[in-house]
């Protein structure tokens, strides 16, 4: 992350979708995935949890593509290729430490 302030880190991981993106990428063997895979993983986790009704996948894809992935990319946590939908994780120790300190919301094992 280019700006290592704790406040910036906390703002970055404040949204559950961004935490789930990071969690999913951390557990991918090579730290890469696609936008479509992220949509599927996040939507299926949301429907398995007690976070209310399942979010529309198209709406989720739009949010990830236009809001969450660019925000993570701006901070150097991911590299997002808009044209192909490829997402590559760039580990950030401070972000991971903050996420690991949070309650079990995102620490569920991958399905």
N, C-alpha and C. Protein backbone atom coordinates (compact mmCIF):
# COMPACT_ATOMS: atom_id res chain seq x y z
N UNK A 1 0.86 -1.16 0.00
CA UNK A 1 0.00 0.00 0.00
C UNK A 1 0.91 1.22 0.00
N UNK A 2 0.62 2.17 -0.86
CA UNK A 2 1.49 3.33 -1.00
C UNK A 2 1.48 4.22 0.23
N UNK A 3 0.33 4.42 0.86
CA UNK A 3 0.24 5.21 2.07
C UNK A 3 -0.01 4.25 3.23
N UNK A 4 0.97 4.11 4.11
CA UNK A 4 0.90 3.08 5.14
C UNK A 4 0.22 3.54 6.43
N UNK A 5 -0.53 4.64 6.39
CA UNK A 5 -1.17 5.09 7.61
C UNK A 5 -2.27 4.11 8.03
N UNK A 6 -2.44 3.98 9.32
CA UNK A 6 -3.46 3.08 9.84
C UNK A 6 -4.85 3.54 9.42
N UNK A 7 -5.09 4.84 9.40
CA UNK A 7 -6.40 5.34 8.99
C UNK A 7 -6.73 4.94 7.56
N UNK A 8 -5.76 5.05 6.67
CA UNK A 8 -5.97 4.66 5.27
C UNK A 8 -6.25 3.17 5.18
N UNK A 9 -5.52 2.39 5.91
CA UNK A 9 -5.72 0.94 5.92
C UNK A 9 -7.12 0.59 6.43
N UNK A 10 -7.54 1.24 7.51
CA UNK A 10 -8.86 0.96 8.07
C UNK A 10 -9.97 1.36 7.10
N UNK A 11 -9.80 2.48 6.41
CA UNK A 11 -10.79 2.87 5.40
C UNK A 11 -10.85 1.86 4.27
N UNK A 12 -9.70 1.34 3.90
CA UNK A 12 -9.64 0.37 2.81
C UNK A 12 -10.38 -0.92 3.15
N UNK A 13 -10.25 -1.39 4.38
CA UNK A 13 -10.88 -2.65 4.76
C UNK A 13 -12.22 -2.45 5.47
N UNK A 14 -12.73 -1.22 5.46
CA UNK A 14 -14.00 -0.94 6.13
C UNK A 14 -15.17 -1.63 5.44
N UNK A 15 -15.08 -1.86 4.14
CA UNK A 15 -16.17 -2.47 3.40
C UNK A 15 -16.00 -3.99 3.37
N UNK A 16 -17.10 -4.71 3.65
CA UNK A 16 -17.02 -6.17 3.69
C UNK A 16 -16.67 -6.77 2.33
N UNK A 17 -17.07 -6.15 1.24
CA UNK A 17 -16.72 -6.69 -0.08
C UNK A 17 -15.20 -6.63 -0.30
N UNK A 18 -14.57 -5.53 0.10
CA UNK A 18 -13.12 -5.44 -0.05
C UNK A 18 -12.41 -6.44 0.85
N UNK A 19 -12.93 -6.64 2.07
CA UNK A 19 -12.32 -7.66 2.94
C UNK A 19 -12.46 -9.04 2.32
N UNK A 20 -13.61 -9.32 1.74
CA UNK A 20 -13.81 -10.63 1.13
C UNK A 20 -12.94 -10.80 -0.12
N UNK A 21 -12.74 -9.74 -0.88
CA UNK A 21 -11.84 -9.81 -2.04
C UNK A 21 -10.44 -10.18 -1.57
N UNK A 22 -9.95 -9.47 -0.57
CA UNK A 22 -8.60 -9.74 -0.05
C UNK A 22 -8.51 -11.15 0.52
N UNK A 23 -9.51 -11.53 1.28
CA UNK A 23 -9.51 -12.88 1.86
C UNK A 23 -9.45 -13.94 0.75
N UNK A 24 -10.27 -13.77 -0.26
CA UNK A 24 -10.29 -14.76 -1.35
C UNK A 24 -8.93 -14.81 -2.06
N UNK A 25 -8.38 -13.67 -2.38
CA UNK A 25 -7.10 -13.63 -3.08
C UNK A 25 -5.96 -14.19 -2.24
N UNK A 26 -6.00 -13.97 -0.94
CA UNK A 26 -4.96 -14.50 -0.06
C UNK A 26 -4.94 -16.02 -0.07
N UNK A 27 -6.09 -16.62 -0.34
CA UNK A 27 -6.18 -18.07 -0.29
C UNK A 27 -6.13 -18.73 -1.66
N UNK A 28 -5.97 -17.94 -2.70
CA UNK A 28 -5.75 -18.50 -4.03
C UNK A 28 -4.28 -18.91 -4.13
N UNK A 29 -4.02 -20.03 -4.75
CA UNK A 29 -2.65 -20.58 -4.81
C UNK A 29 -1.65 -19.57 -5.37
N UNK A 30 -2.01 -18.87 -6.42
CA UNK A 30 -1.06 -17.93 -7.04
C UNK A 30 -1.47 -16.48 -6.84
N UNK A 31 -2.47 -16.21 -5.99
CA UNK A 31 -2.90 -14.84 -5.71
C UNK A 31 -3.61 -14.16 -6.85
N UNK A 32 -4.12 -14.94 -7.78
CA UNK A 32 -4.84 -14.36 -8.92
C UNK A 32 -6.22 -14.99 -9.04
N UNK A 33 -7.12 -14.22 -9.63
CA UNK A 33 -8.47 -14.69 -9.89
C UNK A 33 -9.07 -13.81 -10.97
N UNK A 34 -10.35 -13.96 -11.19
CA UNK A 34 -11.05 -13.13 -12.17
C UNK A 34 -12.20 -12.41 -11.48
N UNK A 35 -12.66 -11.37 -12.12
CA UNK A 35 -13.82 -10.64 -11.61
C UNK A 35 -15.02 -11.58 -11.47
N UNK A 36 -15.24 -12.43 -12.47
CA UNK A 36 -16.36 -13.37 -12.43
C UNK A 36 -16.26 -14.31 -11.23
N UNK A 37 -15.05 -14.80 -10.95
CA UNK A 37 -14.86 -15.70 -9.81
C UNK A 37 -15.11 -14.96 -8.49
N UNK A 38 -14.64 -13.72 -8.40
CA UNK A 38 -14.89 -12.94 -7.19
C UNK A 38 -16.37 -12.73 -6.97
N UNK A 39 -17.09 -12.41 -8.04
CA UNK A 39 -18.54 -12.21 -7.92
C UNK A 39 -19.19 -13.49 -7.38
N UNK A 40 -18.81 -14.62 -7.96
CA UNK A 40 -19.38 -15.90 -7.52
C UNK A 40 -19.06 -16.19 -6.06
N UNK A 41 -17.80 -16.01 -5.67
CA UNK A 41 -17.37 -16.30 -4.30
C UNK A 41 -18.06 -15.39 -3.29
N UNK A 42 -18.11 -14.09 -3.59
CA UNK A 42 -18.71 -13.13 -2.66
C UNK A 42 -20.21 -13.35 -2.56
N UNK A 43 -20.85 -13.57 -3.68
CA UNK A 43 -22.30 -13.80 -3.67
C UNK A 43 -22.65 -15.08 -2.91
N UNK A 44 -21.87 -16.14 -3.11
CA UNK A 44 -22.18 -17.40 -2.43
C UNK A 44 -21.90 -17.29 -0.93
N UNK A 45 -20.87 -16.59 -0.53
CA UNK A 45 -20.58 -16.39 0.90
C UNK A 45 -21.67 -15.55 1.55
N UNK A 46 -22.13 -14.51 0.84
CA UNK A 46 -23.18 -13.65 1.40
C UNK A 46 -24.46 -14.45 1.61
N UNK A 47 -24.77 -15.35 0.68
CA UNK A 47 -26.00 -16.13 0.82
C UNK A 47 -25.87 -17.18 1.91
N UNK A 48 -24.62 -17.60 2.23
CA UNK A 48 -24.40 -18.58 3.29
C UNK A 48 -24.38 -17.94 4.67
N UNK A 49 -24.16 -16.63 4.72
CA UNK A 49 -24.05 -15.95 6.01
C UNK A 49 -25.40 -15.38 6.42
N UNK A 50 -25.38 -14.69 7.53
CA UNK A 50 -26.61 -14.09 8.04
C UNK A 50 -26.65 -12.60 7.72
N UNK A 51 -26.16 -12.23 6.54
CA UNK A 51 -26.09 -10.83 6.15
C UNK A 51 -27.27 -10.38 5.31
N UNK A 52 -28.39 -11.04 5.43
CA UNK A 52 -29.57 -10.63 4.69
C UNK A 52 -29.68 -11.33 3.35
N UNK A 53 -30.55 -10.81 2.49
CA UNK A 53 -30.79 -11.46 1.20
C UNK A 53 -29.57 -11.41 0.29
N UNK A 54 -29.50 -12.36 -0.59
CA UNK A 54 -28.40 -12.44 -1.54
C UNK A 54 -28.42 -11.25 -2.49
N UNK A 55 -27.25 -10.67 -2.73
CA UNK A 55 -27.14 -9.53 -3.62
C UNK A 55 -27.16 -9.99 -5.08
N UNK A 56 -27.81 -9.23 -5.93
CA UNK A 56 -27.84 -9.52 -7.35
C UNK A 56 -26.41 -9.57 -7.89
N UNK A 57 -26.08 -10.63 -8.62
CA UNK A 57 -24.71 -10.82 -9.12
C UNK A 57 -24.29 -9.72 -10.09
N UNK A 58 -25.20 -9.26 -10.92
CA UNK A 58 -24.85 -8.19 -11.87
C UNK A 58 -24.54 -6.89 -11.12
N UNK A 59 -25.35 -6.59 -10.13
CA UNK A 59 -25.11 -5.39 -9.32
C UNK A 59 -23.78 -5.51 -8.58
N UNK A 60 -23.50 -6.70 -8.04
CA UNK A 60 -22.25 -6.94 -7.35
C UNK A 60 -21.06 -6.78 -8.30
N UNK A 61 -21.17 -7.33 -9.50
CA UNK A 61 -20.09 -7.20 -10.49
C UNK A 61 -19.80 -5.74 -10.81
N UNK A 62 -20.84 -4.95 -10.94
CA UNK A 62 -20.67 -3.52 -11.23
C UNK A 62 -19.97 -2.83 -10.06
N UNK A 63 -20.39 -3.14 -8.84
CA UNK A 63 -19.75 -2.54 -7.67
C UNK A 63 -18.27 -2.93 -7.57
N UNK A 64 -17.98 -4.19 -7.79
CA UNK A 64 -16.58 -4.63 -7.73
C UNK A 64 -15.76 -3.96 -8.81
N UNK A 65 -16.28 -3.94 -10.04
CA UNK A 65 -15.55 -3.40 -11.19
C UNK A 65 -15.30 -1.90 -11.08
N UNK A 66 -16.29 -1.16 -10.61
CA UNK A 66 -16.20 0.30 -10.63
C UNK A 66 -15.83 0.93 -9.29
N UNK A 67 -15.95 0.20 -8.19
CA UNK A 67 -15.68 0.79 -6.88
C UNK A 67 -14.60 0.05 -6.12
N UNK A 68 -14.85 -1.21 -5.79
CA UNK A 68 -13.98 -1.90 -4.84
C UNK A 68 -12.62 -2.28 -5.41
N UNK A 69 -12.59 -2.88 -6.59
CA UNK A 69 -11.29 -3.24 -7.17
C UNK A 69 -10.45 -2.01 -7.51
N UNK A 70 -11.03 -0.95 -8.08
CA UNK A 70 -10.21 0.26 -8.30
C UNK A 70 -9.66 0.85 -7.01
N UNK A 71 -10.46 0.83 -5.95
CA UNK A 71 -9.98 1.37 -4.67
C UNK A 71 -8.81 0.54 -4.15
N UNK A 72 -8.93 -0.77 -4.21
CA UNK A 72 -7.82 -1.64 -3.79
C UNK A 72 -6.60 -1.43 -4.69
N UNK A 73 -6.84 -1.26 -5.98
CA UNK A 73 -5.74 -1.03 -6.93
C UNK A 73 -5.05 0.31 -6.66
N UNK A 74 -5.82 1.34 -6.34
CA UNK A 74 -5.25 2.65 -6.05
C UNK A 74 -4.28 2.59 -4.87
N UNK A 75 -4.51 1.66 -3.97
CA UNK A 75 -3.64 1.51 -2.79
C UNK A 75 -2.59 0.42 -2.97
N UNK A 76 -2.52 -0.15 -4.17
CA UNK A 76 -1.48 -1.13 -4.47
C UNK A 76 -1.72 -2.52 -3.91
N UNK A 77 -2.93 -2.80 -3.42
CA UNK A 77 -3.22 -4.10 -2.83
C UNK A 77 -3.55 -5.12 -3.92
N UNK A 78 -4.15 -4.67 -5.01
CA UNK A 78 -4.42 -5.55 -6.14
C UNK A 78 -4.03 -4.84 -7.43
N UNK A 79 -3.86 -5.64 -8.45
CA UNK A 79 -3.72 -5.15 -9.81
C UNK A 79 -4.96 -5.65 -10.53
N UNK A 80 -5.72 -4.73 -11.11
CA UNK A 80 -6.97 -5.09 -11.76
C UNK A 80 -6.92 -4.70 -13.22
N UNK A 81 -7.04 -5.68 -14.09
CA UNK A 81 -7.05 -5.46 -15.54
C UNK A 81 -8.50 -5.35 -15.98
N UNK A 82 -8.93 -4.12 -16.25
CA UNK A 82 -10.35 -3.86 -16.57
C UNK A 82 -10.83 -4.63 -17.80
N UNK A 83 -9.99 -4.75 -18.81
CA UNK A 83 -10.45 -5.36 -20.07
C UNK A 83 -10.62 -6.87 -19.96
N UNK A 84 -9.78 -7.53 -19.19
CA UNK A 84 -9.86 -9.00 -19.08
C UNK A 84 -10.56 -9.46 -17.81
N UNK A 85 -10.65 -8.57 -16.81
CA UNK A 85 -11.24 -8.95 -15.53
C UNK A 85 -10.27 -9.68 -14.62
N UNK A 86 -9.00 -9.75 -15.00
CA UNK A 86 -8.00 -10.43 -14.18
C UNK A 86 -7.66 -9.59 -12.94
N UNK A 87 -7.52 -10.27 -11.81
CA UNK A 87 -7.19 -9.61 -10.55
C UNK A 87 -6.00 -10.34 -9.93
N UNK A 88 -4.97 -9.58 -9.59
CA UNK A 88 -3.77 -10.16 -8.96
C UNK A 88 -3.55 -9.46 -7.62
N UNK A 89 -3.31 -10.26 -6.61
CA UNK A 89 -3.10 -9.76 -5.25
C UNK A 89 -1.64 -9.39 -5.03
N UNK A 90 -1.44 -8.25 -4.37
CA UNK A 90 -0.12 -7.82 -3.94
C UNK A 90 -0.17 -7.73 -2.41
N UNK A 91 0.35 -8.74 -1.72
CA UNK A 91 0.24 -8.79 -0.26
C UNK A 91 0.71 -7.50 0.40
N UNK A 92 -0.03 -7.10 1.41
CA UNK A 92 0.31 -5.91 2.20
C UNK A 92 0.21 -6.32 3.67
N UNK A 93 1.34 -6.27 4.36
CA UNK A 93 1.40 -6.76 5.73
C UNK A 93 0.44 -6.03 6.66
N UNK A 94 0.34 -4.71 6.51
CA UNK A 94 -0.54 -3.95 7.40
C UNK A 94 -2.01 -4.31 7.16
N UNK A 95 -2.41 -4.42 5.91
CA UNK A 95 -3.78 -4.78 5.57
C UNK A 95 -4.10 -6.17 6.11
N UNK A 96 -3.20 -7.12 5.91
CA UNK A 96 -3.42 -8.48 6.39
C UNK A 96 -3.50 -8.54 7.91
N UNK A 97 -2.66 -7.77 8.60
CA UNK A 97 -2.69 -7.74 10.06
C UNK A 97 -4.03 -7.22 10.56
N UNK A 98 -4.53 -6.16 9.93
CA UNK A 98 -5.82 -5.59 10.34
C UNK A 98 -6.93 -6.61 10.08
N UNK A 99 -6.95 -7.20 8.90
CA UNK A 99 -7.99 -8.18 8.57
C UNK A 99 -7.93 -9.38 9.51
N UNK A 100 -6.72 -9.86 9.79
CA UNK A 100 -6.58 -11.02 10.68
C UNK A 100 -7.04 -10.72 12.10
N UNK A 101 -7.05 -9.44 12.49
CA UNK A 101 -7.46 -9.08 13.85
C UNK A 101 -8.97 -8.92 13.99
N UNK A 102 -9.69 -8.96 12.88
CA UNK A 102 -11.14 -8.79 12.91
C UNK A 102 -11.83 -10.08 13.30
N UNK A 103 -13.07 -9.98 13.82
CA UNK A 103 -13.85 -11.18 14.15
C UNK A 103 -13.99 -12.09 12.94
N UNK A 104 -14.40 -13.32 13.15
CA UNK A 104 -14.42 -14.38 12.15
C UNK A 104 -15.21 -14.17 10.88
N UNK A 105 -15.72 -12.98 10.61
CA UNK A 105 -16.54 -12.73 9.43
C UNK A 105 -15.90 -13.22 8.15
N UNK A 106 -14.63 -12.93 7.91
CA UNK A 106 -13.99 -13.31 6.65
C UNK A 106 -13.00 -14.44 6.82
N UNK A 107 -12.84 -14.98 7.99
CA UNK A 107 -11.84 -16.01 8.18
C UNK A 107 -12.42 -17.41 7.97
N UNK A 108 -13.59 -17.48 7.37
CA UNK A 108 -14.17 -18.79 7.05
C UNK A 108 -13.34 -19.50 6.00
N UNK A 109 -13.20 -20.80 6.07
CA UNK A 109 -12.44 -21.50 5.03
C UNK A 109 -13.17 -21.41 3.69
N UNK A 110 -12.39 -21.44 2.62
CA UNK A 110 -12.99 -21.41 1.29
C UNK A 110 -13.84 -22.65 1.08
N UNK A 111 -14.99 -22.50 0.39
CA UNK A 111 -15.87 -23.67 0.17
C UNK A 111 -15.22 -24.70 -0.71
